[in-house]
């Protein structure tokens, strides 16, 4: 859901900023979109849930050996 919200927020920003600021507004919207995606990905990785659960558990097991 975090990726969906990142897209929704940046799309709303693009709808407002692009007509007002032109190409600069489009670039700002793209920067916002990629930044929110990066934050959501890092947050998901830090939560140790989802697909990272199996990867992190294998790494933890390997470190204990």
PDB file of N, CA and C in Angstrom:
ATOM      1  N   UNK A   1       0.810  -1.201   0.000  1.00  0.00           N
ATOM      2  CA  UNK A   1       0.000   0.000   0.000  1.00  0.00           C
ATOM      3  C   UNK A   1       0.854   1.266   0.000  1.00  0.00           C
ATOM      4  N   UNK A   2       2.065   1.174   0.510  1.00  0.00           N
ATOM      5  CA  UNK A   2       2.915   2.356   0.585  1.00  0.00           C
ATOM      6  C   UNK A   2       3.263   2.871  -0.811  1.00  0.00           C
ATOM      7  N   UNK A   3       3.494   1.965  -1.752  1.00  0.00           N
ATOM      8  CA  UNK A   3       3.805   2.391  -3.115  1.00  0.00           C
ATOM      9  C   UNK A   3       2.594   3.085  -3.750  1.00  0.00           C
ATOM     10  N   UNK A   4       1.404   2.599  -3.437  1.00  0.00           N
ATOM     11  CA  UNK A   4       0.189   3.226  -3.948  1.00  0.00           C
ATOM     12  C   UNK A   4       0.051   4.651  -3.422  1.00  0.00           C
ATOM     13  N   UNK A   5       0.301   4.830  -2.129  1.00  0.00           N
ATOM     14  CA  UNK A   5       0.193   6.167  -1.553  1.00  0.00           C
ATOM     15  C   UNK A   5       1.262   7.103  -2.092  1.00  0.00           C
ATOM     16  N   UNK A   6       2.461   6.581  -2.334  1.00  0.00           N
ATOM     17  CA  UNK A   6       3.525   7.401  -2.924  1.00  0.00           C
ATOM     18  C   UNK A   6       3.095   7.883  -4.307  1.00  0.00           C
ATOM     19  N   UNK A   7       2.492   7.003  -5.081  1.00  0.00           N
ATOM     20  CA  UNK A   7       2.006   7.384  -6.400  1.00  0.00           C
ATOM     21  C   UNK A   7       0.860   8.374  -6.341  1.00  0.00           C
ATOM     22  N   UNK A   8      -0.051   8.158  -5.408  1.00  0.00           N
ATOM     23  CA  UNK A   8      -1.202   9.051  -5.286  1.00  0.00           C
ATOM     24  C   UNK A   8      -0.783  10.456  -4.865  1.00  0.00           C
ATOM     25  N   UNK A   9       0.117  10.540  -3.906  1.00  0.00           N
ATOM     26  CA  UNK A   9       0.571  11.854  -3.426  1.00  0.00           C
ATOM     27  C   UNK A   9       1.320  12.595  -4.516  1.00  0.00           C
ATOM     28  N   UNK A  10       2.235  11.906  -5.195  1.00  0.00           N
ATOM     29  CA  UNK A  10       3.005  12.579  -6.228  1.00  0.00           C
ATOM     30  C   UNK A  10       2.138  12.924  -7.444  1.00  0.00           C
ATOM     31  N   UNK A  11       1.142  12.101  -7.754  1.00  0.00           N
ATOM     32  CA  UNK A  11       0.234  12.423  -8.865  1.00  0.00           C
ATOM     33  C   UNK A  11      -0.586  13.664  -8.552  1.00  0.00           C
ATOM     34  N   UNK A  12      -1.073  13.760  -7.334  1.00  0.00           N
ATOM     35  CA  UNK A  12      -1.814  14.960  -6.939  1.00  0.00           C
ATOM     36  C   UNK A  12      -0.919  16.191  -7.009  1.00  0.00           C
ATOM     37  N   UNK A  13       0.328  16.037  -6.577  1.00  0.00           N
ATOM     38  CA  UNK A  13       1.281  17.148  -6.657  1.00  0.00           C
ATOM     39  C   UNK A  13       1.516  17.544  -8.109  1.00  0.00           C
ATOM     40  N   UNK A  14       1.667  16.547  -8.989  1.00  0.00           N
ATOM     41  CA  UNK A  14       1.887  16.829 -10.405  1.00  0.00           C
ATOM     42  C   UNK A  14       0.702  17.565 -11.032  1.00  0.00           C
ATOM     43  N   UNK A  15      -0.496  17.188 -10.653  1.00  0.00           N
ATOM     44  CA  UNK A  15      -1.679  17.853 -11.200  1.00  0.00           C
ATOM     45  C   UNK A  15      -1.721  19.330 -10.823  1.00  0.00           C
ATOM     46  N   UNK A  16      -1.190  19.668  -9.666  1.00  0.00           N
ATOM     47  CA  UNK A  16      -1.190  21.058  -9.214  1.00  0.00           C
ATOM     48  C   UNK A  16       0.051  21.808  -9.703  1.00  0.00           C
ATOM     49  N   UNK A  17       1.221  21.177  -9.587  1.00  0.00           N
ATOM     50  CA  UNK A  17       2.482  21.869  -9.861  1.00  0.00           C
ATOM     51  C   UNK A  17       2.794  22.009 -11.342  1.00  0.00           C
ATOM     52  N   UNK A  18       2.441  21.028 -12.158  1.00  0.00           N
ATOM     53  CA  UNK A  18       2.804  21.084 -13.578  1.00  0.00           C
ATOM     54  C   UNK A  18       2.193  22.284 -14.300  1.00  0.00           C
ATOM     55  N   UNK A  19       0.908  22.561 -14.130  1.00  0.00           N
ATOM     56  CA  UNK A  19       0.374  23.746 -14.808  1.00  0.00           C
ATOM     57  C   UNK A  19       0.950  25.068 -14.264  1.00  0.00           C
ATOM     58  N   UNK A  20       1.269  25.088 -12.990  1.00  0.00           N
ATOM     59  CA  UNK A  20       1.782  26.311 -12.374  1.00  0.00           C
ATOM     60  C   UNK A  20       3.244  26.574 -12.705  1.00  0.00           C
ATOM     61  N   UNK A  21       4.077  25.517 -12.638  1.00  0.00           N
ATOM     62  CA  UNK A  21       5.524  25.690 -12.750  1.00  0.00           C
ATOM     63  C   UNK A  21       6.116  25.073 -14.008  1.00  0.00           C
ATOM     64  N   UNK A  22       5.309  24.436 -14.828  1.00  0.00           N
ATOM     65  CA  UNK A  22       5.790  23.863 -16.079  1.00  0.00           C
ATOM     66  C   UNK A  22       6.717  22.684 -15.855  1.00  0.00           C
ATOM     67  N   UNK A  23       7.824  22.689 -16.597  1.00  0.00           N
ATOM     68  CA  UNK A  23       8.758  21.576 -16.533  1.00  0.00           C
ATOM     69  C   UNK A  23       9.371  21.422 -15.135  1.00  0.00           C
ATOM     70  N   UNK A  24       9.607  22.522 -14.449  1.00  0.00           N
ATOM     71  CA  UNK A  24      10.134  22.461 -13.076  1.00  0.00           C
ATOM     72  C   UNK A  24       9.169  21.743 -12.143  1.00  0.00           C
ATOM     73  N   UNK A  25       7.875  21.942 -12.341  1.00  0.00           N
ATOM     74  CA  UNK A  25       6.873  21.246 -11.532  1.00  0.00           C
ATOM     75  C   UNK A  25       6.846  19.758 -11.808  1.00  0.00           C
ATOM     76  N   UNK A  26       7.066  19.392 -13.086  1.00  0.00           N
ATOM     77  CA  UNK A  26       7.115  17.973 -13.442  1.00  0.00           C
ATOM     78  C   UNK A  26       8.327  17.322 -12.791  1.00  0.00           C
ATOM     79  N   UNK A  27       9.476  17.979 -12.864  1.00  0.00           N
ATOM     80  CA  UNK A  27      10.682  17.428 -12.236  1.00  0.00           C
ATOM     81  C   UNK A  27      10.515  17.326 -10.720  1.00  0.00           C
ATOM     82  N   UNK A  28       9.902  18.332 -10.116  1.00  0.00           N
ATOM     83  CA  UNK A  28       9.672  18.284  -8.669  1.00  0.00           C
ATOM     84  C   UNK A  28       8.749  17.115  -8.311  1.00  0.00           C
ATOM     85  N   UNK A  29       7.721  16.885  -9.128  1.00  0.00           N
ATOM     86  CA  UNK A  29       6.825  15.758  -8.890  1.00  0.00           C
ATOM     87  C   UNK A  29       7.531  14.416  -9.033  1.00  0.00           C
ATOM     88  N   UNK A  30       8.416  14.312 -10.029  1.00  0.00           N
ATOM     89  CA  UNK A  30       9.162  13.065 -10.207  1.00  0.00           C
ATOM     90  C   UNK A  30      10.135  12.833  -9.054  1.00  0.00           C
ATOM     91  N   UNK A  31      10.767  13.894  -8.591  1.00  0.00           N
ATOM     92  CA  UNK A  31      11.673  13.776  -7.441  1.00  0.00           C
ATOM     93  C   UNK A  31      10.889  13.355  -6.200  1.00  0.00           C
ATOM     94  N   UNK A  32       9.726  13.952  -6.009  1.00  0.00           N
ATOM     95  CA  UNK A  32       8.871  13.575  -4.880  1.00  0.00           C
ATOM     96  C   UNK A  32       8.463  12.112  -4.975  1.00  0.00           C
ATOM     97  N   UNK A  33       8.078  11.672  -6.171  1.00  0.00           N
ATOM     98  CA  UNK A  33       7.653  10.287  -6.371  1.00  0.00           C
ATOM     99  C   UNK A  33       8.771   9.305  -6.037  1.00  0.00           C
ATOM    100  N   UNK A  34       9.955   9.531  -6.572  1.00  0.00           N
ATOM    101  CA  UNK A  34      11.064   8.613  -6.332  1.00  0.00           C
ATOM    102  C   UNK A  34      11.517   8.661  -4.875  1.00  0.00           C
ATOM    103  N   UNK A  35      11.477   9.826  -4.254  1.00  0.00           N
ATOM    104  CA  UNK A  35      11.857   9.933  -2.845  1.00  0.00           C
ATOM    105  C   UNK A  35      10.881   9.163  -1.952  1.00  0.00           C
ATOM    106  N   UNK A  36       9.595   9.314  -2.212  1.00  0.00           N
ATOM    107  CA  UNK A  36       8.599   8.590  -1.419  1.00  0.00           C
ATOM    108  C   UNK A  36       8.720   7.086  -1.621  1.00  0.00           C
ATOM    109  N   UNK A  37       9.017   6.650  -2.851  1.00  0.00           N
ATOM    110  CA  UNK A  37       9.218   5.215  -3.100  1.00  0.00           C
ATOM    111  C   UNK A  37      10.430   4.694  -2.347  1.00  0.00           C
ATOM    112  N   UNK A  38      11.506   5.478  -2.318  1.00  0.00           N
ATOM    113  CA  UNK A  38      12.716   5.057  -1.599  1.00  0.00           C
ATOM    114  C   UNK A  38      12.444   4.961  -0.103  1.00  0.00           C
ATOM    115  N   UNK A  39      11.753   5.948   0.437  1.00  0.00           N
ATOM    116  CA  UNK A  39      11.426   5.926   1.868  1.00  0.00           C
ATOM    117  C   UNK A  39      10.528   4.733   2.194  1.00  0.00           C
ATOM    118  N   UNK A  40       9.535   4.474   1.351  1.00  0.00           N
ATOM    119  CA  UNK A  40       8.644   3.336   1.582  1.00  0.00           C
ATOM    120  C   UNK A  40       9.410   2.017   1.505  1.00  0.00           C
ATOM    121  N   UNK A  41      10.335   1.907   0.567  1.00  0.00           N
ATOM    122  CA  UNK A  41      11.129   0.689   0.452  1.00  0.00           C
ATOM    123  C   UNK A  41      12.039   0.474   1.639  1.00  0.00           C
ATOM    124  N   UNK A  42      12.685   1.545   2.087  1.00  0.00           N
ATOM    125  CA  UNK A  42      13.557   1.429   3.255  1.00  0.00           C
ATOM    126  C   UNK A  42      12.758   1.127   4.516  1.00  0.00           C
ATOM    127  N   UNK A  43      11.585   1.717   4.613  1.00  0.00           N
ATOM    128  CA  UNK A  43      10.715   1.453   5.766  1.00  0.00           C
ATOM    129  C   UNK A  43      10.292  -0.014   5.764  1.00  0.00           C
ATOM    130  N   UNK A  44       9.946  -0.528   4.589  1.00  0.00           N
ATOM    131  CA  UNK A  44       9.544  -1.928   4.495  1.00  0.00           C
ATOM    132  C   UNK A  44      10.713  -2.857   4.824  1.00  0.00           C
ATOM    133  N   UNK A  45      11.895  -2.504   4.357  1.00  0.00           N
ATOM    134  CA  UNK A  45      13.076  -3.305   4.659  1.00  0.00           C
ATOM    135  C   UNK A  45      13.377  -3.279   6.157  1.00  0.00           C
ATOM    136  N   UNK A  46      13.234  -2.118   6.786  1.00  0.00           N
ATOM    137  CA  UNK A  46      13.479  -1.995   8.219  1.00  0.00           C
ATOM    138  C   UNK A  46      12.447  -2.694   9.071  1.00  0.00           C
ATOM    139  N   UNK A  47      11.238  -2.876   8.542  1.00  0.00           N
ATOM    140  CA  UNK A  47      10.190  -3.525   9.332  1.00  0.00           C
ATOM    141  C   UNK A  47      10.392  -5.029   9.416  1.00  0.00           C
ATOM    142  N   UNK A  48      11.252  -5.578   8.573  1.00  0.00           N
ATOM    143  CA  UNK A  48      11.548  -7.014   8.542  1.00  0.00           C
ATOM    144  C   UNK A  48      10.296  -7.846   8.315  1.00  0.00           C
ATOM    145  N   UNK A  49       9.378  -7.323   7.549  1.00  0.00           N
ATOM    146  CA  UNK A  49       8.187  -8.063   7.183  1.00  0.00           C
ATOM    147  C   UNK A  49       8.140  -8.256   5.679  1.00  0.00           C
ATOM    148  N   UNK A  50       7.135  -8.918   5.206  1.00  0.00           N
ATOM    149  CA  UNK A  50       6.988  -9.119   3.773  1.00  0.00           C
ATOM    150  C   UNK A  50       8.040 -10.061   3.221  1.00  0.00           C
ATOM    151  N   UNK A  51       8.468  -9.819   1.985  1.00  0.00           N
ATOM    152  CA  UNK A  51       9.424 -10.743   1.369  1.00  0.00           C
ATOM    153  C   UNK A  51      10.801 -10.704   2.023  1.00  0.00           C
ATOM    154  N   UNK A  52      11.090  -9.644   2.769  1.00  0.00           N
ATOM    155  CA  UNK A  52      12.400  -9.534   3.408  1.00  0.00           C
ATOM    156  C   UNK A  52      12.528 -10.482   4.594  1.00  0.00           C
ATOM    157  N   UNK A  53      11.409 -10.972   5.092  1.00  0.00           N
ATOM    158  CA  UNK A  53      11.441 -11.844   6.255  1.00  0.00           C
ATOM    159  C   UNK A  53      12.280 -13.089   5.990  1.00  0.00           C
ATOM    160  N   UNK A  54      12.065 -13.726   4.857  1.00  0.00           N
ATOM    161  CA  UNK A  54      12.823 -14.947   4.560  1.00  0.00           C
ATOM    162  C   UNK A  54      14.286 -14.629   4.262  1.00  0.00           C
ATOM    163  N   UNK A  55      14.556 -13.513   3.598  1.00  0.00           N
ATOM    164  CA  UNK A  55      15.936 -13.137   3.282  1.00  0.00           C
ATOM    165  C   UNK A  55      16.699 -12.819   4.564  1.00  0.00           C
ATOM    166  N   UNK A  56      16.087 -12.043   5.437  1.00  0.00           N
ATOM    167  CA  UNK A  56      16.760 -11.659   6.675  1.00  0.00           C
ATOM    168  C   UNK A  56      16.941 -12.859   7.601  1.00  0.00           C
ATOM    169  N   UNK A  57      15.987 -13.776   7.620  1.00  0.00           N
ATOM    170  CA  UNK A  57      16.137 -14.931   8.498  1.00  0.00           C
ATOM    171  C   UNK A  57      17.266 -15.829   8.009  1.00  0.00           C
ATOM    172  N   UNK A  58      17.443 -15.973   6.692  1.00  0.00           N
ATOM    173  CA  UNK A  58      18.547 -16.766   6.164  1.00  0.00           C
ATOM    174  C   UNK A  58      19.887 -16.110   6.487  1.00  0.00           C
ATOM    175  N   UNK A  59      19.938 -14.796   6.418  1.00  0.00           N
ATOM    176  CA  UNK A  59      21.163 -14.068   6.736  1.00  0.00           C
ATOM    177  C   UNK A  59      21.490 -14.203   8.224  1.00  0.00           C
ATOM    178  N   UNK A  60      20.469 -14.119   9.069  1.00  0.00           N
ATOM    179  CA  UNK A  60      20.686 -14.267  10.506  1.00  0.00           C
ATOM    180  C   UNK A  60      21.210 -15.669  10.842  1.00  0.00           C
ATOM    181  N   UNK A  61      20.658 -16.676  10.183  1.00  0.00           N
ATOM    182  CA  UNK A  61      21.107 -18.040  10.417  1.00  0.00           C
ATOM    183  C   UNK A  61      22.558 -18.225   9.973  1.00  0.00           C
ATOM    184  N   UNK A  62      22.903 -17.623   8.853  1.00  0.00           N
ATOM    185  CA  UNK A  62      24.268 -17.745   8.337  1.00  0.00           C
ATOM    186  C   UNK A  62      25.253 -17.036   9.258  1.00  0.00           C
ATOM    187  N   UNK A  63      24.856 -15.903   9.829  1.00  0.00           N
ATOM    188  CA  UNK A  63      25.743 -15.158  10.733  1.00  0.00           C
ATOM    189  C   UNK A  63      25.978 -15.910  12.040  1.00  0.00           C
ATOM    190  N   UNK A  64      25.024 -16.704  12.485  1.00  0.00           N
ATOM    191  CA  UNK A  64      25.161 -17.433  13.744  1.00  0.00           C
ATOM    192  C   UNK A  64      26.059 -18.649  13.631  1.00  0.00           C
ATOM    193  N   UNK A  65      26.315 -19.099  12.411  1.00  0.00           N
ATOM    194  CA  UNK A  65      27.149 -20.292  12.216  1.00  0.00           C
ATOM    195  C   UNK A  65      28.591 -19.973  12.305  1.00  0.00           C
TER     196      UNK A  65
END
